[in-house]
Amino acid sequence: MTKQQLLPEFVKKRLPSLDAILDRRTTELTAQVKFFYPDFGWTWYGVAWDGDDLFWGLVDGFEKELGYFRLSELMTNRGKLGCPIERDFYFKPAPVSEYMN
């Protein structure tokens, strides 16, 4: 998938800036986009981004943790069977707390 397919305009528009999230005055963080490898058990939920490449959100891998990740790094890597990263087309924004359990 290309960057445009992974991050179309309608998704970009709903992602807040990193500064807005770092302020942390909101009571609930909302995952706006979900990325995954279809052949690998890791998932990345984007909560905010820098307008270019850097995301902040939930990484669900060996452990679940909040932190930074780069879309460019996800695009250059492959899953266990060589599948590229995908965006969940059916994902609807949801509170991060729903994925923390």
Protein backbone atom coordinates (compact mmCIF):
# COMPACT_ATOMS: atom_id res chain seq x y z
CA MET A 1 0.00 0.00 0.00
CA THR A 2 1.11 3.51 -0.69
CA LYS A 3 1.23 6.22 1.96
CA GLN A 4 -1.84 7.82 0.36
CA GLN A 5 -3.76 4.55 0.71
CA LEU A 6 -2.63 4.08 4.30
CA LEU A 7 -3.34 7.68 5.23
CA PRO A 8 -6.08 9.15 3.01
CA GLU A 9 -7.23 12.75 3.44
CA PHE A 10 -10.29 11.89 5.53
CA VAL A 11 -8.07 10.11 8.08
CA LYS A 12 -5.51 12.94 8.10
CA LYS A 13 -8.27 15.45 8.86
CA ARG A 14 -9.46 13.62 11.96
CA LEU A 15 -5.97 13.09 13.47
CA PRO A 16 -5.05 15.78 16.02
CA SER A 17 -1.55 17.20 16.22
CA LEU A 18 1.03 15.77 18.58
CA ASP A 19 0.95 19.02 20.56
CA ALA A 20 -2.78 18.66 21.18
CA ILE A 21 -2.29 15.19 22.67
CA LEU A 22 0.78 16.10 24.73
CA ASP A 23 -1.31 18.74 26.47
CA ARG A 24 -3.34 15.80 27.88
CA ARG A 25 -6.21 17.92 29.10
CA THR A 26 -8.64 15.55 27.42
CA THR A 27 -10.11 12.85 29.59
CA GLU A 28 -10.10 10.21 26.88
CA LEU A 29 -7.65 9.53 24.05
CA THR A 30 -9.23 8.34 20.81
CA ALA A 31 -7.62 5.96 18.34
CA GLN A 32 -8.28 7.44 14.89
CA VAL A 33 -6.61 4.87 12.61
CA LYS A 34 -5.50 1.25 12.87
CA PHE A 35 -2.50 -0.29 11.07
CA PHE A 36 -1.59 -3.99 11.08
CA TYR A 37 0.34 -6.69 9.27
CA PRO A 38 -2.10 -9.42 8.15
CA ASP A 39 0.51 -12.11 8.87
CA PHE A 40 1.88 -10.78 12.13
CA GLY A 41 0.25 -10.24 15.53
CA TRP A 42 1.14 -6.57 16.03
CA THR A 43 -1.26 -3.62 15.68
CA TRP A 44 -0.67 0.13 15.81
CA TYR A 45 -3.45 2.57 16.71
CA GLY A 46 -2.75 6.16 15.71
CA VAL A 47 -4.07 8.78 18.13
CA ALA A 48 -2.16 11.84 16.85
CA TRP A 49 0.49 12.64 14.25
CA ASP A 50 2.97 15.33 13.27
CA GLY A 51 1.43 15.95 9.83
CA ASP A 52 4.20 14.02 8.07
CA ASP A 53 5.32 10.63 9.43
CA LEU A 54 5.47 10.46 13.23
CA PHE A 55 2.50 9.04 15.14
CA TRP A 56 1.72 8.77 18.82
CA GLY A 57 -0.64 6.03 19.90
CA LEU A 58 -1.05 2.52 21.17
CA VAL A 59 1.26 -0.27 20.03
CA ASP A 60 -0.18 -3.73 20.65
CA GLY A 61 2.70 -6.20 20.29
CA PHE A 62 4.51 -8.23 22.91
CA GLU A 63 2.95 -5.77 25.35
CA LYS A 64 0.51 -2.92 24.99
CA GLU A 65 2.15 0.46 25.36
CA LEU A 66 1.60 4.08 24.43
CA GLY A 67 4.36 5.71 22.43
CA TYR A 68 5.68 6.95 19.12
CA PHE A 69 5.94 5.09 15.82
CA ARG A 70 6.74 6.06 12.25
CA LEU A 71 4.57 5.10 9.31
CA SER A 72 7.65 5.05 7.07
CA GLU A 73 9.21 2.33 9.25
CA LEU A 74 6.04 0.26 9.15
CA MET A 75 5.96 0.59 5.36
CA THR A 76 9.55 -0.62 4.92
CA ASN A 77 9.11 -3.73 7.06
CA ARG A 78 7.13 -6.87 6.30
CA GLY A 79 5.23 -9.40 8.38
CA LYS A 80 6.38 -12.98 8.93
CA LEU A 81 5.17 -14.13 5.50
CA GLY A 82 6.29 -10.96 3.73
CA CYS A 83 2.96 -9.12 3.76
CA PRO A 84 3.08 -5.32 3.86
CA ILE A 85 1.37 -3.09 6.40
CA GLU A 86 -2.33 -2.41 5.90
CA ARG A 87 -4.88 0.04 7.24
CA ASP A 88 -8.08 -1.41 8.66
CA PHE A 89 -10.65 0.04 6.25
CA TYR A 90 -13.51 -0.82 8.62
CA PHE A 91 -11.97 0.68 11.76
CA LYS A 92 -14.07 3.33 13.48
CA PRO A 93 -12.47 5.79 15.93
CA ALA A 94 -12.74 4.49 19.48
CA PRO A 95 -11.35 5.27 22.95
CA VAL A 96 -7.87 3.84 23.47
CA SER A 97 -9.05 2.40 26.77
CA GLU A 98 -11.09 -0.16 24.80
CA TYR A 99 -7.85 -1.69 23.49
CA MET A 100 -5.85 -1.52 26.72
CA ASN A 101 -7.57 -4.50 28.38
